[in-house]
Amino acid sequence: MSSKKFISACVWMVVGGIVGWLVNTATVGKYNVINATCSVINTAVDNQLLAQDQVRSLGQASQKLLLNTAAGDAFQLDEKQIQAASNNSNCSQFMVGMSSH
């Protein structure tokens, strides 16, 4: 392999790595955080470790600790999404709590 091809391959590998990291951060990483958190919350409610009416309060308390972090940012909803959030969904209520200002 010529040195030009080798350098070109290295540059494209670096560019691909950066693009892959950005896509993961913007999409997959966000949904992995949400999925894991919602699973834990649902398990806590199902096992009566947490009452369903406490889930929003847990979101509000968590928001204070996770403010301006990737995990905290994953749960931010806009006003329209907050209004549409299901009262029967533990995950939705946690996200509403995390989105409170």
C-alpha atoms as a PDB file:
ATOM      1  CA  MET A   1       0.000   0.000   0.000  1.00  0.00           C
ATOM      2  CA  SER A   2       1.355   3.388  -0.912  1.00  0.00           C
ATOM      3  CA  SER A   3       1.842   6.009   1.740  1.00  0.00           C
ATOM      4  CA  LYS A   4      -0.877   8.189   0.139  1.00  0.00           C
ATOM      5  CA  LYS A   5      -3.449   5.400   0.450  1.00  0.00           C
ATOM      6  CA  PHE A   6      -2.361   4.644   3.995  1.00  0.00           C
ATOM      7  CA  ILE A   7      -2.677   8.286   5.091  1.00  0.00           C
ATOM      8  CA  SER A   8      -6.020   8.588   3.313  1.00  0.00           C
ATOM      9  CA  ALA A   9      -7.297   5.437   5.057  1.00  0.00           C
ATOM     10  CA  CYS A  10      -6.145   6.768   8.443  1.00  0.00           C
ATOM     11  CA  VAL A  11      -7.844  10.125   7.870  1.00  0.00           C
ATOM     12  CA  TRP A  12     -11.113   8.416   6.884  1.00  0.00           C
ATOM     13  CA  MET A  13     -10.929   6.151   9.945  1.00  0.00           C
ATOM     14  CA  VAL A  14     -10.566   9.177  12.212  1.00  0.00           C
ATOM     15  CA  VAL A  15     -13.406  11.011  10.452  1.00  0.00           C
ATOM     16  CA  GLY A  16     -15.594   7.889  10.669  1.00  0.00           C
ATOM     17  CA  GLY A  17     -14.822   7.516  14.353  1.00  0.00           C
ATOM     18  CA  ILE A  18     -15.779  11.119  15.067  1.00  0.00           C
ATOM     19  CA  VAL A  19     -19.013  10.852  13.063  1.00  0.00           C
ATOM     20  CA  GLY A  20     -19.867   7.569  14.802  1.00  0.00           C
ATOM     21  CA  TRP A  21     -19.275   9.084  18.216  1.00  0.00           C
ATOM     22  CA  LEU A  22     -21.466  12.101  17.381  1.00  0.00           C
ATOM     23  CA  VAL A  23     -24.319   9.903  16.116  1.00  0.00           C
ATOM     24  CA  ASN A  24     -24.106   7.682  19.192  1.00  0.00           C
ATOM     25  CA  THR A  25     -24.102  10.657  21.530  1.00  0.00           C
ATOM     26  CA  ALA A  26     -27.073  12.290  19.817  1.00  0.00           C
ATOM     27  CA  THR A  27     -29.260   9.199  19.456  1.00  0.00           C
ATOM     28  CA  VAL A  28     -28.304   5.771  20.727  1.00  0.00           C
ATOM     29  CA  GLY A  29     -26.661   6.942  23.934  1.00  0.00           C
ATOM     30  CA  LYS A  30     -29.667   9.096  24.800  1.00  0.00           C
ATOM     31  CA  TYR A  31     -32.146   6.253  24.337  1.00  0.00           C
ATOM     32  CA  ASN A  32     -29.968   3.802  26.257  1.00  0.00           C
ATOM     33  CA  VAL A  33     -30.006   6.164  29.257  1.00  0.00           C
ATOM     34  CA  ILE A  34     -33.782   6.603  29.007  1.00  0.00           C
ATOM     35  CA  ASN A  35     -34.434   2.874  28.579  1.00  0.00           C
ATOM     36  CA  ALA A  36     -32.267   1.860  31.523  1.00  0.00           C
ATOM     37  CA  THR A  37     -33.724   4.520  33.819  1.00  0.00           C
ATOM     38  CA  CYS A  38     -37.318   3.719  32.892  1.00  0.00           C
ATOM     39  CA  SER A  39     -36.697   0.016  33.469  1.00  0.00           C
ATOM     40  CA  VAL A  40     -35.357   0.707  36.959  1.00  0.00           C
ATOM     41  CA  ILE A  41     -38.250   3.041  37.798  1.00  0.00           C
ATOM     42  CA  ASN A  42     -40.860   0.552  36.571  1.00  0.00           C
ATOM     43  CA  THR A  43     -39.220  -2.233  38.577  1.00  0.00           C
ATOM     44  CA  ALA A  44     -39.177  -0.053  41.701  1.00  0.00           C
ATOM     45  CA  VAL A  45     -42.886   0.748  41.292  1.00  0.00           C
ATOM     46  CA  ASP A  46     -43.790  -2.880  40.493  1.00  0.00           C
ATOM     47  CA  ASN A  47     -41.981  -4.071  43.631  1.00  0.00           C
ATOM     48  CA  GLN A  48     -43.581  -1.322  45.730  1.00  0.00           C
ATOM     49  CA  LEU A  49     -40.249   0.320  46.528  1.00  0.00           C
ATOM     50  CA  LEU A  50     -41.581   3.548  45.052  1.00  0.00           C
ATOM     51  CA  ALA A  51     -45.203   4.692  44.847  1.00  0.00           C
ATOM     52  CA  GLN A  52     -46.420   5.688  41.401  1.00  0.00           C
ATOM     53  CA  ASP A  53     -47.351   9.149  42.665  1.00  0.00           C
ATOM     54  CA  GLN A  54     -43.732   9.701  43.791  1.00  0.00           C
ATOM     55  CA  VAL A  55     -42.172   9.163  40.352  1.00  0.00           C
ATOM     56  CA  ARG A  56     -42.523  12.800  39.229  1.00  0.00           C
ATOM     57  CA  SER A  57     -40.959  13.977  42.510  1.00  0.00           C
ATOM     58  CA  LEU A  58     -38.067  11.582  41.941  1.00  0.00           C
ATOM     59  CA  GLY A  59     -37.597  13.166  38.508  1.00  0.00           C
ATOM     60  CA  GLN A  60     -37.540  16.637  40.048  1.00  0.00           C
ATOM     61  CA  ALA A  61     -34.968  15.581  42.654  1.00  0.00           C
ATOM     62  CA  SER A  62     -32.848  13.849  40.002  1.00  0.00           C
ATOM     63  CA  GLN A  63     -32.988  16.892  37.735  1.00  0.00           C
ATOM     64  CA  LYS A  64     -31.257  18.977  40.382  1.00  0.00           C
ATOM     65  CA  LEU A  65     -28.381  16.485  40.546  1.00  0.00           C
ATOM     66  CA  LEU A  66     -28.105  15.851  36.809  1.00  0.00           C
ATOM     67  CA  LEU A  67     -28.480  19.433  35.581  1.00  0.00           C
ATOM     68  CA  ASN A  68     -26.315  20.092  32.499  1.00  0.00           C
ATOM     69  CA  THR A  69     -25.131  16.500  32.130  1.00  0.00           C
ATOM     70  CA  ALA A  70     -25.660  14.133  29.205  1.00  0.00           C
ATOM     71  CA  ALA A  71     -27.926  11.967  31.351  1.00  0.00           C
ATOM     72  CA  GLY A  72     -29.966  14.954  32.479  1.00  0.00           C
ATOM     73  CA  ASP A  73     -30.225  16.347  28.968  1.00  0.00           C
ATOM     74  CA  ALA A  74     -31.619  13.032  27.682  1.00  0.00           C
ATOM     75  CA  PHE A  75     -34.767  13.533  29.739  1.00  0.00           C
ATOM     76  CA  GLN A  76     -35.612  17.106  28.761  1.00  0.00           C
ATOM     77  CA  LEU A  77     -39.062  17.591  27.258  1.00  0.00           C
ATOM     78  CA  ASP A  78     -40.499  20.692  25.642  1.00  0.00           C
ATOM     79  CA  GLU A  79     -43.791  22.184  26.850  1.00  0.00           C
ATOM     80  CA  LYS A  80     -45.868  20.374  24.210  1.00  0.00           C
ATOM     81  CA  GLN A  81     -44.377  17.014  25.228  1.00  0.00           C
ATOM     82  CA  ILE A  82     -44.985  17.776  28.914  1.00  0.00           C
ATOM     83  CA  GLN A  83     -48.648  18.507  28.195  1.00  0.00           C
ATOM     84  CA  ALA A  84     -48.973  15.253  26.213  1.00  0.00           C
ATOM     85  CA  ALA A  85     -47.237  13.079  28.839  1.00  0.00           C
ATOM     86  CA  SER A  86     -49.325  10.183  30.094  1.00  0.00           C
ATOM     87  CA  ASN A  87     -50.277  10.309  33.763  1.00  0.00           C
ATOM     88  CA  ASN A  88     -50.263   6.496  33.809  1.00  0.00           C
ATOM     89  CA  SER A  89     -46.706   6.127  32.508  1.00  0.00           C
ATOM     90  CA  ASN A  90     -43.971   6.032  35.123  1.00  0.00           C
ATOM     91  CA  CYS A  91     -41.374   6.955  32.514  1.00  0.00           C
ATOM     92  CA  SER A  92     -43.395   9.909  31.229  1.00  0.00           C
ATOM     93  CA  GLN A  93     -43.942  11.244  34.729  1.00  0.00           C
ATOM     94  CA  PHE A  94     -40.228  10.874  35.556  1.00  0.00           C
ATOM     95  CA  MET A  95     -39.376  12.798  32.394  1.00  0.00           C
ATOM     96  CA  VAL A  96     -41.897  15.512  33.283  1.00  0.00           C
ATOM     97  CA  GLY A  97     -40.211  15.813  36.655  1.00  0.00           C
ATOM     98  CA  MET A  98     -36.780  15.967  35.035  1.00  0.00           C
ATOM     99  CA  SER A  99     -38.026  18.729  32.722  1.00  0.00           C
ATOM    100  CA  SER A 100     -39.361  20.954  35.494  1.00  0.00           C
ATOM    101  CA  HIS A 101     -37.630  24.287  35.865  1.00  0.00           C
END
